[in-house]
């Protein structure tokens, strides 16, 4: 399993527009084979930040994801929203279990 986690930074006044554009992306991504979770959520303390969390089955599933039309559509939709940066990290999970 792989986790992708990080942030997108943008003009605070455009955060709601980015999240609106992200909804179809999240739904389509979670319908892809190998995607368990795909979320973009507003940061509670920083109005100019959106947090990203993804859970994937494999590298192959992630690679296929980047070729999907909904990825290009999302990129086009947020092109004018003043995204100033992103910071994403991919984590390989060796094992997992419930937190006790």
Protein backbone atom coordinates (compact mmCIF):
# COMPACT_ATOMS: atom_id res chain seq x y z
CA UNK A 1 0.00 0.00 0.00
CA UNK A 2 1.04 3.55 -0.70
CA UNK A 3 -0.02 6.81 0.92
CA UNK A 4 0.31 10.16 -0.78
CA UNK A 5 -0.07 13.05 1.64
CA UNK A 6 0.61 16.74 1.42
CA UNK A 7 -0.71 20.19 0.68
CA UNK A 8 -1.71 22.62 -2.03
CA UNK A 9 -1.29 26.33 -1.28
CA UNK A 10 -3.32 29.00 -3.01
CA UNK A 11 -4.97 32.38 -2.59
CA UNK A 12 -7.35 31.96 0.38
CA UNK A 13 -10.26 33.49 -1.51
CA UNK A 14 -10.02 30.68 -4.08
CA UNK A 15 -9.95 27.72 -1.71
CA UNK A 16 -13.71 27.02 -1.99
CA UNK A 17 -13.45 27.04 -5.80
CA UNK A 18 -10.57 24.55 -5.69
CA UNK A 19 -12.50 22.25 -3.38
CA UNK A 20 -15.54 22.47 -5.67
CA UNK A 21 -13.37 21.51 -8.65
CA UNK A 22 -11.86 18.65 -6.60
CA UNK A 23 -15.17 16.91 -5.89
CA UNK A 24 -15.53 15.25 -9.33
CA UNK A 25 -11.82 14.38 -9.22
CA UNK A 26 -12.18 12.67 -5.85
CA UNK A 27 -15.24 10.69 -6.94
CA UNK A 28 -13.65 9.58 -10.23
CA UNK A 29 -10.33 8.74 -8.57
CA UNK A 30 -11.98 6.56 -5.92
CA UNK A 31 -13.72 4.66 -8.72
CA UNK A 32 -10.33 3.77 -10.22
CA UNK A 33 -8.92 0.30 -9.67
CA UNK A 34 -6.40 0.37 -6.86
CA UNK A 35 -7.58 3.59 -5.21
CA UNK A 36 -8.90 3.18 -1.67
CA UNK A 37 -9.10 6.85 -0.61
CA UNK A 38 -8.67 10.16 -2.41
CA UNK A 39 -9.42 13.32 -0.45
CA UNK A 40 -8.74 17.03 -0.57
CA UNK A 41 -9.89 18.89 2.53
CA UNK A 42 -9.53 22.45 3.81
CA UNK A 43 -6.85 23.06 6.40
CA UNK A 44 -8.58 24.20 9.59
CA UNK A 45 -5.85 26.68 10.54
CA UNK A 46 -4.64 28.02 7.17
CA UNK A 47 -7.25 29.49 4.80
CA UNK A 48 -4.81 29.26 1.90
CA UNK A 49 -4.09 25.57 2.22
CA UNK A 50 -5.80 22.34 1.13
CA UNK A 51 -4.67 19.01 2.54
CA UNK A 52 -4.39 15.92 0.33
CA UNK A 53 -4.61 12.29 1.44
CA UNK A 54 -4.59 9.32 -0.93
CA UNK A 55 -4.35 5.57 -0.30
CA UNK A 56 -3.33 3.37 -3.24
CA UNK A 57 -2.86 -0.34 -3.80
CA UNK A 58 0.26 -0.05 -6.02
CA UNK A 59 2.63 2.09 -8.04
CA UNK A 60 0.89 0.84 -11.19
CA UNK A 61 -2.46 2.16 -9.95
CA UNK A 62 -0.93 5.58 -9.27
CA UNK A 63 0.73 5.65 -12.69
CA UNK A 64 -2.59 4.82 -14.38
CA UNK A 65 -4.29 7.55 -12.33
CA UNK A 66 -2.10 10.28 -13.81
CA UNK A 67 -3.27 9.35 -17.32
CA UNK A 68 -6.98 9.67 -16.49
CA UNK A 69 -9.06 12.43 -18.11
CA UNK A 70 -10.32 13.66 -14.73
CA UNK A 71 -6.74 14.56 -13.76
CA UNK A 72 -6.38 16.80 -16.82
CA UNK A 73 -9.82 18.29 -16.22
CA UNK A 74 -8.90 19.15 -12.62
CA UNK A 75 -5.63 20.74 -13.72
CA UNK A 76 -7.46 22.90 -16.24
CA UNK A 77 -10.14 23.84 -13.70
CA UNK A 78 -7.64 25.11 -11.13
CA UNK A 79 -5.32 26.83 -13.60
CA UNK A 80 -6.53 30.30 -12.72
CA UNK A 81 -6.99 29.84 -8.98
CA UNK A 82 -3.62 31.11 -7.88
CA UNK A 83 -2.03 27.85 -6.73
CA UNK A 84 1.34 28.97 -5.36
CA UNK A 85 2.78 25.63 -4.37
CA UNK A 86 2.36 22.00 -3.54
CA UNK A 87 4.16 19.64 -1.21
CA UNK A 88 3.32 15.96 -1.70
CA UNK A 89 5.12 12.93 -0.26
CA UNK A 90 4.65 9.27 -1.15
CA UNK A 91 4.95 6.73 1.67
CA UNK A 92 5.33 2.97 1.21
CA UNK A 93 3.45 1.10 3.93
CA UNK A 94 5.04 -2.17 5.05
CA UNK A 95 2.27 -3.06 7.46
CA UNK A 96 -0.75 -1.51 9.14
CA UNK A 97 -3.27 -2.25 11.84
CA UNK A 98 -5.68 -0.54 14.19
CA UNK A 99 -4.33 2.10 16.55
CA UNK A 100 -4.63 0.96 20.14
